[in-house]
């Protein structure tokens, strides 16, 4: 299967915050479903992460501008329900 063939089979919404939800929130703010789609589109093997927390540090949007994120949590409780979780 080619990497461009990877499509999600189902989708659900986040109910409560976790480290995984935090990273999905950051990818979705930058215009991607998740890390899988980001790596597919940008043709990168690694994503910049904060070593202390493991959260995504920097993402490049499709228009080639960059989003930079803090070490701390950025996804507020009121934003959690907007995060989509894709299953492959």
N, C-alpha and C. Protein backbone atom coordinates (compact mmCIF):
# COMPACT_ATOMS: atom_id res chain seq x y z
N UNK A 1 0.85 -1.19 0.00
CA UNK A 1 0.00 0.00 0.00
C UNK A 1 0.89 1.25 0.00
N UNK A 2 0.65 2.14 -0.90
CA UNK A 2 1.42 3.38 -0.96
C UNK A 2 1.01 4.29 0.20
N UNK A 3 1.93 5.16 0.63
CA UNK A 3 1.64 6.02 1.78
C UNK A 3 0.50 6.99 1.48
N UNK A 4 0.27 7.30 0.22
CA UNK A 4 -0.80 8.23 -0.13
C UNK A 4 -2.17 7.56 -0.04
N UNK A 5 -2.20 6.22 0.12
CA UNK A 5 -3.46 5.49 0.21
C UNK A 5 -4.02 5.42 1.63
N UNK A 6 -3.29 5.94 2.61
CA UNK A 6 -3.71 5.84 4.00
C UNK A 6 -4.86 6.81 4.24
N UNK A 7 -6.05 6.24 4.45
CA UNK A 7 -7.25 7.03 4.72
C UNK A 7 -7.88 6.53 6.01
N UNK A 8 -8.47 7.41 6.80
CA UNK A 8 -9.11 6.95 8.04
C UNK A 8 -10.37 6.15 7.76
N UNK A 9 -10.61 5.15 8.61
CA UNK A 9 -11.81 4.31 8.47
C UNK A 9 -12.97 4.86 9.29
N UNK A 10 -12.65 5.53 10.40
CA UNK A 10 -13.71 6.11 11.23
C UNK A 10 -13.19 7.34 11.95
N UNK A 11 -14.14 8.09 12.52
CA UNK A 11 -13.81 9.32 13.22
C UNK A 11 -14.65 9.42 14.48
N UNK A 12 -14.05 9.95 15.53
CA UNK A 12 -14.80 10.22 16.75
C UNK A 12 -14.28 11.52 17.35
N UNK A 13 -15.00 12.02 18.32
CA UNK A 13 -14.61 13.28 18.98
C UNK A 13 -13.99 12.98 20.34
N UNK A 14 -13.06 13.82 20.74
CA UNK A 14 -12.42 13.67 22.04
C UNK A 14 -13.40 14.03 23.15
N UNK A 15 -13.35 13.28 24.24
CA UNK A 15 -14.23 13.53 25.38
C UNK A 15 -13.47 14.25 26.51
N UNK A 16 -12.21 13.85 26.72
CA UNK A 16 -11.41 14.50 27.76
C UNK A 16 -9.98 14.65 27.29
N UNK A 17 -9.28 15.57 27.91
CA UNK A 17 -7.92 15.91 27.51
C UNK A 17 -6.94 14.81 27.89
N UNK A 18 -5.94 14.59 27.02
CA UNK A 18 -4.81 13.70 27.30
C UNK A 18 -3.64 14.19 26.45
N UNK A 19 -2.48 13.59 26.64
CA UNK A 19 -1.32 13.97 25.84
C UNK A 19 -1.58 13.73 24.35
N UNK A 20 -2.23 12.62 24.04
CA UNK A 20 -2.55 12.30 22.64
C UNK A 20 -3.49 13.36 22.04
N UNK A 21 -4.49 13.77 22.82
CA UNK A 21 -5.44 14.78 22.36
C UNK A 21 -4.72 16.11 22.15
N UNK A 22 -3.79 16.43 23.02
CA UNK A 22 -3.00 17.67 22.89
C UNK A 22 -2.29 17.70 21.54
N UNK A 23 -1.62 16.61 21.18
CA UNK A 23 -0.89 16.57 19.91
C UNK A 23 -1.84 16.58 18.72
N UNK A 24 -2.97 15.88 18.80
CA UNK A 24 -3.96 15.93 17.72
C UNK A 24 -4.48 17.35 17.53
N UNK A 25 -4.71 18.04 18.63
CA UNK A 25 -5.17 19.44 18.59
C UNK A 25 -4.17 20.29 17.81
N UNK A 26 -2.90 20.11 18.06
CA UNK A 26 -1.86 20.90 17.38
C UNK A 26 -1.82 20.58 15.89
N UNK A 27 -1.90 19.31 15.52
CA UNK A 27 -1.92 18.95 14.10
C UNK A 27 -3.15 19.53 13.41
N UNK A 28 -4.30 19.47 14.06
CA UNK A 28 -5.53 19.94 13.45
C UNK A 28 -5.57 21.46 13.35
N UNK A 29 -4.92 22.16 14.26
CA UNK A 29 -4.81 23.62 14.14
C UNK A 29 -3.99 23.99 12.90
N UNK A 30 -3.00 23.18 12.59
CA UNK A 30 -2.14 23.44 11.44
C UNK A 30 -2.75 22.95 10.13
N UNK A 31 -3.92 22.30 10.19
CA UNK A 31 -4.62 21.90 8.98
C UNK A 31 -4.45 20.46 8.56
N UNK A 32 -4.04 19.59 9.49
CA UNK A 32 -3.86 18.17 9.19
C UNK A 32 -4.75 17.34 10.10
N UNK A 33 -5.06 16.12 9.68
CA UNK A 33 -5.85 15.22 10.52
C UNK A 33 -5.05 14.81 11.75
N UNK A 34 -3.82 14.37 11.48
CA UNK A 34 -2.97 13.84 12.54
C UNK A 34 -1.54 13.72 12.03
N UNK A 35 -0.71 13.09 12.83
CA UNK A 35 0.71 12.95 12.47
C UNK A 35 0.89 12.15 11.19
N UNK A 36 0.05 11.15 10.97
CA UNK A 36 0.13 10.32 9.76
C UNK A 36 -0.03 11.18 8.51
N UNK A 37 -1.06 12.02 8.49
CA UNK A 37 -1.30 12.87 7.32
C UNK A 37 -0.20 13.91 7.16
N UNK A 38 0.28 14.46 8.27
CA UNK A 38 1.36 15.46 8.21
C UNK A 38 2.60 14.86 7.56
N UNK A 39 2.99 13.67 7.99
CA UNK A 39 4.18 13.01 7.42
C UNK A 39 3.97 12.69 5.95
N UNK A 40 2.75 12.31 5.58
CA UNK A 40 2.39 12.00 4.20
C UNK A 40 2.53 13.23 3.30
N UNK A 41 1.96 14.35 3.75
CA UNK A 41 1.92 15.57 2.93
C UNK A 41 3.29 16.24 2.86
N UNK A 42 3.95 16.35 4.01
CA UNK A 42 5.22 17.08 4.07
C UNK A 42 6.43 16.21 3.77
N UNK A 43 6.23 14.92 3.61
CA UNK A 43 7.32 13.99 3.29
C UNK A 43 8.46 14.09 4.30
N UNK A 44 8.10 14.08 5.57
CA UNK A 44 9.10 14.09 6.64
C UNK A 44 8.97 12.80 7.44
N UNK A 45 10.07 12.41 8.10
CA UNK A 45 10.03 11.18 8.90
C UNK A 45 9.86 11.49 10.39
N UNK A 46 10.27 12.69 10.80
CA UNK A 46 10.19 13.08 12.21
C UNK A 46 9.45 14.40 12.36
N UNK A 47 8.78 14.57 13.49
CA UNK A 47 8.10 15.81 13.82
C UNK A 47 8.84 16.43 15.00
N UNK A 48 9.10 17.75 14.96
CA UNK A 48 9.77 18.42 16.07
C UNK A 48 8.90 18.35 17.32
N UNK A 49 9.49 17.83 18.41
CA UNK A 49 8.75 17.71 19.67
C UNK A 49 9.57 18.28 20.82
N UNK A 50 8.87 18.74 21.86
CA UNK A 50 9.54 19.17 23.09
C UNK A 50 10.05 17.93 23.80
N UNK A 51 11.35 17.87 24.12
CA UNK A 51 11.87 16.66 24.79
C UNK A 51 11.26 16.45 26.18
N UNK A 52 10.92 17.53 26.88
CA UNK A 52 10.40 17.41 28.25
C UNK A 52 9.00 16.81 28.28
N UNK A 53 8.13 17.21 27.35
CA UNK A 53 6.73 16.80 27.40
C UNK A 53 6.34 15.84 26.28
N UNK A 54 7.06 15.86 25.17
CA UNK A 54 6.71 15.03 24.02
C UNK A 54 5.66 15.68 23.13
N UNK A 55 5.23 16.90 23.48
CA UNK A 55 4.25 17.61 22.66
C UNK A 55 4.91 18.13 21.39
N UNK A 56 4.12 18.30 20.35
CA UNK A 56 4.61 18.84 19.09
C UNK A 56 5.12 20.27 19.31
N UNK A 57 6.29 20.55 18.77
CA UNK A 57 6.94 21.85 18.96
C UNK A 57 6.70 22.79 17.79
N UNK A 58 6.80 22.25 16.57
CA UNK A 58 6.71 23.09 15.37
C UNK A 58 6.09 22.29 14.24
N UNK A 59 5.14 22.92 13.52
CA UNK A 59 4.53 22.29 12.35
C UNK A 59 4.52 23.27 11.19
N UNK A 60 4.67 22.73 10.00
CA UNK A 60 4.61 23.55 8.79
C UNK A 60 3.24 23.34 8.14
N UNK A 61 2.52 24.44 7.96
CA UNK A 61 1.21 24.35 7.31
C UNK A 61 1.37 24.06 5.83
N UNK A 62 0.26 23.83 5.17
CA UNK A 62 0.29 23.53 3.73
C UNK A 62 0.77 24.73 2.91
N UNK A 63 0.57 25.95 3.43
CA UNK A 63 1.03 27.14 2.71
C UNK A 63 2.47 27.51 3.10
N UNK A 64 3.16 26.59 3.77
CA UNK A 64 4.57 26.70 4.14
C UNK A 64 4.86 27.70 5.25
N UNK A 65 3.85 28.23 5.93
CA UNK A 65 4.12 29.03 7.12
C UNK A 65 4.21 28.05 8.30
N UNK A 66 4.86 28.49 9.36
CA UNK A 66 5.09 27.61 10.51
C UNK A 66 4.22 27.98 11.69
N UNK A 67 3.81 26.97 12.43
CA UNK A 67 3.15 27.15 13.72
C UNK A 67 4.15 26.69 14.78
N UNK A 68 4.36 27.51 15.79
CA UNK A 68 5.24 27.15 16.91
C UNK A 68 4.38 27.02 18.16
N UNK A 69 4.63 25.97 18.93
CA UNK A 69 3.82 25.68 20.11
C UNK A 69 4.67 25.70 21.38
N UNK A 70 4.03 26.00 22.50
CA UNK A 70 4.68 26.04 23.80
C UNK A 70 4.89 24.63 24.35
N UNK A 71 5.73 24.56 25.40
CA UNK A 71 5.94 23.28 26.09
C UNK A 71 4.71 22.87 26.87
N UNK A 72 3.95 23.86 27.33
CA UNK A 72 2.78 23.57 28.16
C UNK A 72 1.56 23.24 27.30
N UNK A 73 0.55 22.76 27.96
CA UNK A 73 -0.72 22.43 27.32
C UNK A 73 -1.32 23.67 26.66
N UNK A 74 -1.82 23.52 25.44
CA UNK A 74 -2.45 24.63 24.72
C UNK A 74 -3.93 24.37 24.44
N UNK A 75 -4.34 23.13 24.51
CA UNK A 75 -5.73 22.76 24.24
C UNK A 75 -6.55 22.92 25.53
N UNK A 76 -7.32 23.99 25.62
CA UNK A 76 -8.15 24.23 26.79
C UNK A 76 -9.28 23.21 26.85
N UNK A 77 -9.85 23.04 28.04
CA UNK A 77 -10.96 22.08 28.21
C UNK A 77 -12.12 22.40 27.28
N UNK A 78 -12.38 23.67 27.03
CA UNK A 78 -13.51 24.03 26.17
C UNK A 78 -13.24 23.72 24.69
N UNK A 79 -11.98 23.45 24.34
CA UNK A 79 -11.61 23.11 22.96
C UNK A 79 -11.53 21.60 22.72
N UNK A 80 -11.48 20.82 23.79
CA UNK A 80 -11.26 19.38 23.67
C UNK A 80 -12.29 18.71 22.76
N UNK A 81 -13.57 19.08 22.89
CA UNK A 81 -14.62 18.42 22.09
C UNK A 81 -14.49 18.68 20.59
N UNK A 82 -13.68 19.65 20.20
CA UNK A 82 -13.49 19.95 18.77
C UNK A 82 -12.46 19.04 18.11
N UNK A 83 -11.66 18.36 18.92
CA UNK A 83 -10.58 17.51 18.40
C UNK A 83 -11.17 16.22 17.85
N UNK A 84 -10.78 15.89 16.63
CA UNK A 84 -11.25 14.68 15.97
C UNK A 84 -10.19 13.59 16.10
N UNK A 85 -10.65 12.38 16.42
CA UNK A 85 -9.76 11.23 16.54
C UNK A 85 -10.05 10.30 15.37
N UNK A 86 -9.06 10.09 14.53
CA UNK A 86 -9.23 9.24 13.34
C UNK A 86 -8.69 7.85 13.61
N UNK A 87 -9.42 6.84 13.17
CA UNK A 87 -8.98 5.44 13.30
C UNK A 87 -8.69 4.89 11.91
N UNK A 88 -7.58 4.20 11.79
CA UNK A 88 -7.15 3.65 10.49
C UNK A 88 -7.31 2.15 10.42
